[in-house]
Amino acid sequence: MKTFIVLAVAVALGYYAYKALTGAGEVPGCKEEFNHCMKTCRRTATEAPAAQACQQACERDSDSCERKGR
């Protein structure tokens, strides 16, 4: 039983150390969100007008994010 408790504590500490080192679970900043949005536009929009509209939406979202101060 003691081994199980020690193992559980070690796993929990490892998990929190992983999150602290990698930044997993943190809210992405405006620049990361903008980059992800633009990548999505390039992958999904095949027609030029649709791609342009998607990119403009990304820029509006980025401007909005920056005004919020994230």
N, C-alpha and C. Protein backbone atom coordinates (compact mmCIF):
# COMPACT_ATOMS: atom_id res chain seq x y z
N MET A 1 0.82 -1.19 0.00
CA MET A 1 0.00 0.00 0.00
C MET A 1 0.86 1.26 0.00
N LYS A 2 1.96 1.24 0.75
CA LYS A 2 2.86 2.40 0.78
C LYS A 2 3.47 2.66 -0.59
N THR A 3 3.78 1.62 -1.32
CA THR A 3 4.35 1.76 -2.65
C THR A 3 3.38 2.47 -3.58
N PHE A 4 2.11 2.14 -3.48
CA PHE A 4 1.09 2.77 -4.31
C PHE A 4 0.99 4.26 -4.01
N ILE A 5 1.04 4.63 -2.74
CA ILE A 5 0.96 6.04 -2.35
C ILE A 5 2.18 6.80 -2.86
N VAL A 6 3.35 6.22 -2.71
CA VAL A 6 4.58 6.86 -3.19
C VAL A 6 4.52 7.01 -4.71
N LEU A 7 4.04 6.00 -5.40
CA LEU A 7 3.92 6.05 -6.85
C LEU A 7 2.93 7.13 -7.28
N ALA A 8 1.81 7.23 -6.59
CA ALA A 8 0.80 8.24 -6.92
C ALA A 8 1.36 9.64 -6.71
N VAL A 9 2.09 9.86 -5.65
CA VAL A 9 2.69 11.17 -5.38
C VAL A 9 3.73 11.49 -6.46
N ALA A 10 4.53 10.51 -6.84
CA ALA A 10 5.55 10.72 -7.86
C ALA A 10 4.91 11.07 -9.20
N VAL A 11 3.82 10.41 -9.56
CA VAL A 11 3.12 10.71 -10.80
C VAL A 11 2.54 12.12 -10.76
N ALA A 12 1.94 12.49 -9.65
CA ALA A 12 1.37 13.83 -9.52
C ALA A 12 2.45 14.90 -9.63
N LEU A 13 3.57 14.70 -8.96
CA LEU A 13 4.67 15.67 -9.05
C LEU A 13 5.23 15.76 -10.47
N GLY A 14 5.34 14.62 -11.13
CA GLY A 14 5.81 14.61 -12.51
C GLY A 14 4.88 15.36 -13.43
N TYR A 15 3.59 15.19 -13.24
CA TYR A 15 2.59 15.87 -14.06
C TYR A 15 2.69 17.38 -13.89
N TYR A 16 2.76 17.86 -12.66
CA TYR A 16 2.85 19.29 -12.43
C TYR A 16 4.18 19.87 -12.89
N ALA A 17 5.24 19.10 -12.79
CA ALA A 17 6.54 19.55 -13.30
C ALA A 17 6.48 19.66 -14.82
N TYR A 18 5.84 18.71 -15.49
CA TYR A 18 5.69 18.76 -16.95
C TYR A 18 4.91 20.00 -17.36
N LYS A 19 3.81 20.28 -16.68
CA LYS A 19 3.00 21.45 -17.01
C LYS A 19 3.78 22.74 -16.80
N ALA A 20 4.58 22.79 -15.75
CA ALA A 20 5.34 23.99 -15.45
C ALA A 20 6.45 24.22 -16.49
N LEU A 21 7.08 23.15 -16.93
CA LEU A 21 8.19 23.29 -17.87
C LEU A 21 7.72 23.55 -19.29
N THR A 22 6.61 22.95 -19.70
CA THR A 22 6.16 23.09 -21.08
C THR A 22 5.15 24.20 -21.28
N GLY A 23 4.55 24.68 -20.22
CA GLY A 23 3.53 25.70 -20.35
C GLY A 23 2.20 25.14 -20.80
N ALA A 24 2.01 23.84 -20.70
CA ALA A 24 0.77 23.21 -21.11
C ALA A 24 -0.38 23.72 -20.26
N GLY A 25 -1.49 23.99 -20.90
CA GLY A 25 -2.67 24.44 -20.18
C GLY A 25 -2.78 25.95 -20.06
N GLU A 26 -1.75 26.66 -20.51
CA GLU A 26 -1.81 28.11 -20.45
C GLU A 26 -2.61 28.64 -21.65
N VAL A 27 -3.23 29.76 -21.46
CA VAL A 27 -3.98 30.40 -22.53
C VAL A 27 -2.98 31.00 -23.51
N PRO A 28 -3.12 30.69 -24.81
CA PRO A 28 -2.17 31.25 -25.77
C PRO A 28 -2.34 32.76 -25.91
N GLY A 29 -1.26 33.42 -26.22
CA GLY A 29 -1.31 34.86 -26.40
C GLY A 29 -1.91 35.24 -27.74
N CYS A 30 -2.04 36.52 -27.97
CA CYS A 30 -2.64 37.03 -29.20
C CYS A 30 -1.85 36.59 -30.43
N LYS A 31 -0.54 36.65 -30.35
CA LYS A 31 0.29 36.28 -31.51
C LYS A 31 0.13 34.80 -31.85
N GLU A 32 0.10 33.94 -30.84
CA GLU A 32 -0.07 32.52 -31.09
C GLU A 32 -1.44 32.22 -31.69
N GLU A 33 -2.47 32.90 -31.18
CA GLU A 33 -3.80 32.71 -31.73
C GLU A 33 -3.87 33.17 -33.19
N PHE A 34 -3.23 34.30 -33.49
CA PHE A 34 -3.22 34.83 -34.85
C PHE A 34 -2.51 33.84 -35.78
N ASN A 35 -1.35 33.34 -35.37
CA ASN A 35 -0.61 32.38 -36.20
C ASN A 35 -1.42 31.13 -36.46
N HIS A 36 -2.08 30.62 -35.43
CA HIS A 36 -2.91 29.42 -35.59
C HIS A 36 -4.06 29.69 -36.55
N CYS A 37 -4.68 30.84 -36.42
CA CYS A 37 -5.79 31.22 -37.29
C CYS A 37 -5.33 31.28 -38.75
N MET A 38 -4.19 31.91 -38.99
CA MET A 38 -3.68 32.04 -40.36
C MET A 38 -3.34 30.68 -40.95
N LYS A 39 -2.78 29.78 -40.15
CA LYS A 39 -2.48 28.43 -40.63
C LYS A 39 -3.77 27.71 -41.01
N THR A 40 -4.79 27.90 -40.19
CA THR A 40 -6.07 27.27 -40.49
C THR A 40 -6.64 27.81 -41.80
N CYS A 41 -6.50 29.11 -42.02
CA CYS A 41 -6.98 29.70 -43.28
C CYS A 41 -6.26 29.09 -44.47
N ARG A 42 -4.96 28.95 -44.36
CA ARG A 42 -4.18 28.39 -45.48
C ARG A 42 -4.57 26.95 -45.76
N ARG A 43 -4.93 26.20 -44.73
CA ARG A 43 -5.27 24.79 -44.92
C ARG A 43 -6.69 24.58 -45.44
N THR A 44 -7.61 25.42 -45.01
CA THR A 44 -9.02 25.16 -45.29
C THR A 44 -9.59 25.95 -46.46
N ALA A 45 -9.11 27.16 -46.68
CA ALA A 45 -9.69 27.99 -47.74
C ALA A 45 -8.94 27.76 -49.05
N THR A 46 -9.65 27.23 -50.05
CA THR A 46 -9.00 26.94 -51.33
C THR A 46 -9.23 28.06 -52.34
N GLU A 47 -10.31 28.77 -52.23
CA GLU A 47 -10.60 29.87 -53.14
C GLU A 47 -10.01 31.17 -52.58
N ALA A 48 -9.50 32.02 -53.46
CA ALA A 48 -8.85 33.26 -53.03
C ALA A 48 -9.77 34.17 -52.21
N PRO A 49 -11.02 34.41 -52.63
CA PRO A 49 -11.88 35.28 -51.81
C PRO A 49 -12.15 34.71 -50.41
N ALA A 50 -12.31 33.40 -50.34
CA ALA A 50 -12.55 32.78 -49.03
C ALA A 50 -11.32 32.89 -48.15
N ALA A 51 -10.14 32.69 -48.75
CA ALA A 51 -8.89 32.80 -47.98
C ALA A 51 -8.70 34.22 -47.48
N GLN A 52 -8.99 35.19 -48.33
CA GLN A 52 -8.83 36.59 -47.94
C GLN A 52 -9.80 36.95 -46.82
N ALA A 53 -11.04 36.48 -46.91
CA ALA A 53 -12.02 36.75 -45.86
C ALA A 53 -11.60 36.12 -44.54
N CYS A 54 -11.06 34.92 -44.62
CA CYS A 54 -10.59 34.22 -43.41
C CYS A 54 -9.44 34.99 -42.78
N GLN A 55 -8.50 35.45 -43.59
CA GLN A 55 -7.35 36.19 -43.08
C GLN A 55 -7.78 37.52 -42.47
N GLN A 56 -8.76 38.17 -43.07
CA GLN A 56 -9.27 39.42 -42.50
C GLN A 56 -9.94 39.17 -41.15
N ALA A 57 -10.65 38.04 -41.05
CA ALA A 57 -11.27 37.68 -39.77
C ALA A 57 -10.18 37.43 -38.71
N CYS A 58 -9.08 36.81 -39.12
CA CYS A 58 -7.97 36.59 -38.19
C CYS A 58 -7.40 37.91 -37.70
N GLU A 59 -7.25 38.86 -38.62
CA GLU A 59 -6.72 40.17 -38.24
C GLU A 59 -7.66 40.90 -37.30
N ARG A 60 -8.97 40.82 -37.56
CA ARG A 60 -9.94 41.46 -36.65
C ARG A 60 -9.88 40.83 -35.27
N ASP A 61 -9.81 39.49 -35.24
CA ASP A 61 -9.73 38.80 -33.95
C ASP A 61 -8.45 39.18 -33.21
N SER A 62 -7.35 39.31 -33.94
CA SER A 62 -6.09 39.68 -33.33
C SER A 62 -6.14 41.09 -32.76
N ASP A 63 -6.73 42.00 -33.53
CA ASP A 63 -6.88 43.38 -33.04
C ASP A 63 -7.73 43.42 -31.79
N SER A 64 -8.81 42.64 -31.78
CA SER A 64 -9.69 42.57 -30.62
C SER A 64 -8.94 42.01 -29.41
N CYS A 65 -8.15 40.98 -29.65
CA CYS A 65 -7.38 40.36 -28.57
C CYS A 65 -6.40 41.36 -27.98
N GLU A 66 -5.72 42.11 -28.83
CA GLU A 66 -4.73 43.07 -28.34
C GLU A 66 -5.39 44.21 -27.57
N ARG A 67 -6.59 44.58 -27.99
CA ARG A 67 -7.31 45.63 -27.24
C ARG A 67 -7.70 45.15 -25.85
N LYS A 68 -7.96 43.85 -25.74
CA LYS A 68 -8.30 43.28 -24.43
C LYS A 68 -7.09 43.22 -23.51
N GLY A 69 -5.89 43.26 -24.13
CA GLY A 69 -4.67 43.29 -23.33
C GLY A 69 -4.17 41.93 -22.91
N ARG A 70 -4.39 40.89 -23.72
CA ARG A 70 -3.89 39.57 -23.37
C ARG A 70 -2.50 39.40 -23.86
